[in-house]
């Protein structure tokens, strides 16, 4: 009775594509929103104290400088 030449079949394909795009956008916005709310910790950013520890471990700063930085950051 119905076939692709009647045009109704293409509307069904187009509707399916639009539904996938809609839900993909909704899910993408939710993921983006959650990543914005969680902040830098979810992105793997180092804290300033972690940077100071790494610099101290490499010998870039003295123990006195590290201790001063640790107190300033606490």
N, C-alpha and C. Protein backbone atom coordinates (compact mmCIF):
# COMPACT_ATOMS: atom_id res chain seq x y z
N UNK A 1 0.82 -1.17 0.00
CA UNK A 1 0.00 0.00 0.00
C UNK A 1 0.88 1.25 0.00
N UNK A 2 1.68 1.46 1.05
CA UNK A 2 2.59 2.60 1.10
C UNK A 2 3.97 2.15 0.64
N UNK A 3 4.62 3.02 -0.10
CA UNK A 3 6.01 2.73 -0.47
C UNK A 3 6.82 4.03 -0.44
N UNK A 4 8.09 3.93 -0.65
CA UNK A 4 8.97 5.08 -0.54
C UNK A 4 8.67 6.14 -1.62
N UNK A 5 8.04 5.75 -2.69
CA UNK A 5 7.74 6.70 -3.77
C UNK A 5 6.58 7.63 -3.42
N UNK A 6 5.81 7.27 -2.44
CA UNK A 6 4.69 8.12 -2.05
C UNK A 6 5.15 9.32 -1.22
N UNK A 7 6.38 9.32 -0.74
CA UNK A 7 6.89 10.44 0.02
C UNK A 7 6.74 10.27 1.51
N UNK A 8 5.85 9.43 1.97
CA UNK A 8 5.64 9.26 3.40
C UNK A 8 6.83 8.57 4.04
N UNK A 9 7.50 7.69 3.31
CA UNK A 9 8.66 6.98 3.84
C UNK A 9 9.80 7.92 4.14
N UNK A 10 10.01 8.93 3.30
CA UNK A 10 11.09 9.89 3.53
C UNK A 10 10.81 10.75 4.75
N UNK A 11 9.54 11.04 5.00
CA UNK A 11 9.20 11.80 6.20
C UNK A 11 9.52 11.00 7.46
N UNK A 12 9.34 9.70 7.39
CA UNK A 12 9.66 8.86 8.54
C UNK A 12 11.18 8.84 8.77
N UNK A 13 11.96 8.75 7.70
CA UNK A 13 13.41 8.78 7.83
C UNK A 13 13.85 10.12 8.39
N UNK A 14 13.32 11.19 7.83
CA UNK A 14 13.67 12.55 8.29
C UNK A 14 13.28 12.73 9.76
N UNK A 15 12.14 12.24 10.17
CA UNK A 15 11.71 12.34 11.56
C UNK A 15 12.65 11.57 12.49
N UNK A 16 13.11 10.40 12.06
CA UNK A 16 14.06 9.63 12.86
C UNK A 16 15.38 10.36 13.02
N UNK A 17 15.87 10.97 11.95
CA UNK A 17 17.12 11.73 12.01
C UNK A 17 16.96 12.92 12.95
N UNK A 18 15.86 13.61 12.85
CA UNK A 18 15.63 14.78 13.71
C UNK A 18 15.52 14.36 15.18
N UNK A 19 14.91 13.22 15.45
CA UNK A 19 14.80 12.75 16.83
C UNK A 19 16.18 12.44 17.40
N UNK A 20 17.05 11.79 16.62
CA UNK A 20 18.40 11.49 17.08
C UNK A 20 19.16 12.79 17.34
N UNK A 21 19.04 13.76 16.45
CA UNK A 21 19.72 15.05 16.65
C UNK A 21 19.20 15.77 17.89
N UNK A 22 17.91 15.74 18.11
CA UNK A 22 17.32 16.40 19.28
C UNK A 22 17.85 15.79 20.56
N UNK A 23 17.76 14.46 20.69
CA UNK A 23 18.20 13.81 21.92
C UNK A 23 19.71 13.90 22.09
N UNK A 24 20.46 13.87 21.00
CA UNK A 24 21.90 14.06 21.09
C UNK A 24 22.25 15.44 21.63
N UNK A 25 21.51 16.46 21.20
CA UNK A 25 21.73 17.81 21.70
C UNK A 25 21.37 17.91 23.17
N UNK A 26 20.26 17.33 23.57
CA UNK A 26 19.84 17.37 24.97
C UNK A 26 20.89 16.70 25.86
N UNK A 27 21.35 15.52 25.47
CA UNK A 27 22.35 14.80 26.27
C UNK A 27 23.66 15.57 26.29
N UNK A 28 24.06 16.15 25.16
CA UNK A 28 25.28 16.94 25.11
C UNK A 28 25.22 18.14 26.03
N UNK A 29 24.08 18.82 26.08
CA UNK A 29 23.93 19.97 26.97
C UNK A 29 23.98 19.56 28.43
N UNK A 30 23.42 18.42 28.76
CA UNK A 30 23.47 17.94 30.14
C UNK A 30 24.91 17.63 30.53
N UNK A 31 25.64 16.94 29.67
CA UNK A 31 27.04 16.61 29.95
C UNK A 31 27.86 17.89 30.10
N UNK A 32 27.66 18.85 29.22
CA UNK A 32 28.39 20.12 29.30
C UNK A 32 28.06 20.85 30.60
N UNK A 33 26.80 20.88 30.98
CA UNK A 33 26.39 21.55 32.21
C UNK A 33 27.01 20.92 33.45
N UNK A 34 27.02 19.60 33.49
CA UNK A 34 27.61 18.91 34.64
C UNK A 34 29.11 19.20 34.70
N UNK A 35 29.79 19.21 33.56
CA UNK A 35 31.23 19.49 33.56
C UNK A 35 31.52 20.92 34.00
N UNK A 36 30.63 21.85 33.71
CA UNK A 36 30.82 23.23 34.15
C UNK A 36 30.61 23.37 35.65
N UNK A 37 29.66 22.63 36.20
CA UNK A 37 29.35 22.72 37.62
C UNK A 37 30.45 22.08 38.46
N UNK A 38 31.01 20.95 37.99
CA UNK A 38 32.02 20.26 38.77
C UNK A 38 33.34 21.01 38.80
N UNK A 39 33.60 21.86 37.85
CA UNK A 39 34.80 22.69 37.86
C UNK A 39 36.04 21.97 37.40
N UNK A 40 37.19 22.51 37.83
CA UNK A 40 38.47 22.04 37.36
C UNK A 40 38.86 20.66 37.84
N UNK A 41 38.34 20.22 38.95
CA UNK A 41 38.73 18.92 39.48
C UNK A 41 38.39 17.81 38.49
N UNK A 42 37.29 17.93 37.81
CA UNK A 42 36.91 16.90 36.84
C UNK A 42 37.78 16.95 35.60
N UNK A 43 38.39 18.08 35.34
CA UNK A 43 39.24 18.21 34.15
C UNK A 43 40.68 17.82 34.42
N UNK A 44 41.00 17.43 35.65
CA UNK A 44 42.34 16.98 35.96
C UNK A 44 43.33 18.11 36.20
N UNK A 45 42.86 19.28 36.57
CA UNK A 45 43.76 20.39 36.85
C UNK A 45 44.43 20.19 38.19
N UNK A 46 45.69 20.61 38.28
CA UNK A 46 46.44 20.49 39.52
C UNK A 46 46.14 21.68 40.43
N UNK A 47 46.19 21.40 41.71
CA UNK A 47 46.04 22.49 42.67
C UNK A 47 47.39 23.20 42.79
N UNK A 48 47.39 24.44 43.27
CA UNK A 48 48.66 25.14 43.45
C UNK A 48 49.63 24.40 44.38
N UNK A 49 49.09 23.72 45.39
CA UNK A 49 49.95 22.97 46.30
C UNK A 49 50.59 21.79 45.58
N UNK A 50 49.85 21.16 44.67
CA UNK A 50 50.43 20.06 43.88
C UNK A 50 51.58 20.56 43.01
N UNK A 51 51.42 21.74 42.45
CA UNK A 51 52.48 22.33 41.64
C UNK A 51 53.71 22.61 42.50
N UNK A 52 53.50 23.15 43.70
CA UNK A 52 54.61 23.43 44.61
C UNK A 52 55.32 22.14 45.00
N UNK A 53 54.55 21.09 45.28
CA UNK A 53 55.16 19.80 45.63
C UNK A 53 56.01 19.27 44.49
N UNK A 54 55.48 19.36 43.28
CA UNK A 54 56.22 18.88 42.12
C UNK A 54 57.51 19.68 41.93
N UNK A 55 57.43 21.00 42.08
CA UNK A 55 58.63 21.84 41.94
C UNK A 55 59.65 21.52 43.02
N UNK A 56 59.19 21.27 44.23
CA UNK A 56 60.09 20.92 45.33
C UNK A 56 60.77 19.57 45.06
N UNK A 57 59.98 18.63 44.57
CA UNK A 57 60.53 17.30 44.27
C UNK A 57 61.59 17.36 43.17
N UNK A 58 61.44 18.26 42.23
CA UNK A 58 62.43 18.41 41.16
C UNK A 58 63.63 19.25 41.58
N UNK A 59 63.55 19.85 42.75
CA UNK A 59 64.66 20.68 43.22
C UNK A 59 64.62 22.10 42.70
N UNK A 60 63.49 22.54 42.16
CA UNK A 60 63.37 23.89 41.63
C UNK A 60 63.23 24.93 42.73
N UNK A 61 62.75 24.51 43.91
CA UNK A 61 62.61 25.44 45.03
C UNK A 61 63.25 24.81 46.26
N UNK A 62 63.66 25.64 47.17
CA UNK A 62 64.31 25.16 48.39
C UNK A 62 63.24 24.71 49.39
N UNK A 63 63.66 23.97 50.42
CA UNK A 63 62.69 23.57 51.45
C UNK A 63 62.03 24.77 52.13
N UNK A 64 62.76 25.85 52.30
CA UNK A 64 62.18 27.05 52.92
C UNK A 64 61.11 27.67 52.02
N UNK A 65 61.41 27.73 50.72
CA UNK A 65 60.42 28.27 49.78
C UNK A 65 59.16 27.40 49.75
N UNK A 66 59.36 26.08 49.75
CA UNK A 66 58.22 25.18 49.74
C UNK A 66 57.37 25.37 50.99
N UNK A 67 58.03 25.47 52.15
CA UNK A 67 57.28 25.64 53.40
C UNK A 67 56.51 26.95 53.41
N UNK A 68 57.12 28.00 52.88
CA UNK A 68 56.43 29.30 52.80
C UNK A 68 55.23 29.21 51.87
N UNK A 69 55.41 28.56 50.73
CA UNK A 69 54.30 28.39 49.80
C UNK A 69 53.18 27.56 50.43
N UNK A 70 53.54 26.49 51.12
CA UNK A 70 52.54 25.63 51.75
C UNK A 70 51.73 26.40 52.78
N UNK A 71 52.40 27.24 53.57
CA UNK A 71 51.69 28.04 54.57
C UNK A 71 50.81 29.09 53.90
N UNK A 72 51.31 29.71 52.83
CA UNK A 72 50.51 30.72 52.13
C UNK A 72 49.26 30.11 51.49
N UNK A 73 49.38 28.89 51.01
CA UNK A 73 48.26 28.27 50.31
C UNK A 73 47.27 27.59 51.27
N UNK A 74 47.67 27.39 52.51
CA UNK A 74 46.79 26.71 53.47
C UNK A 74 45.66 27.60 53.93
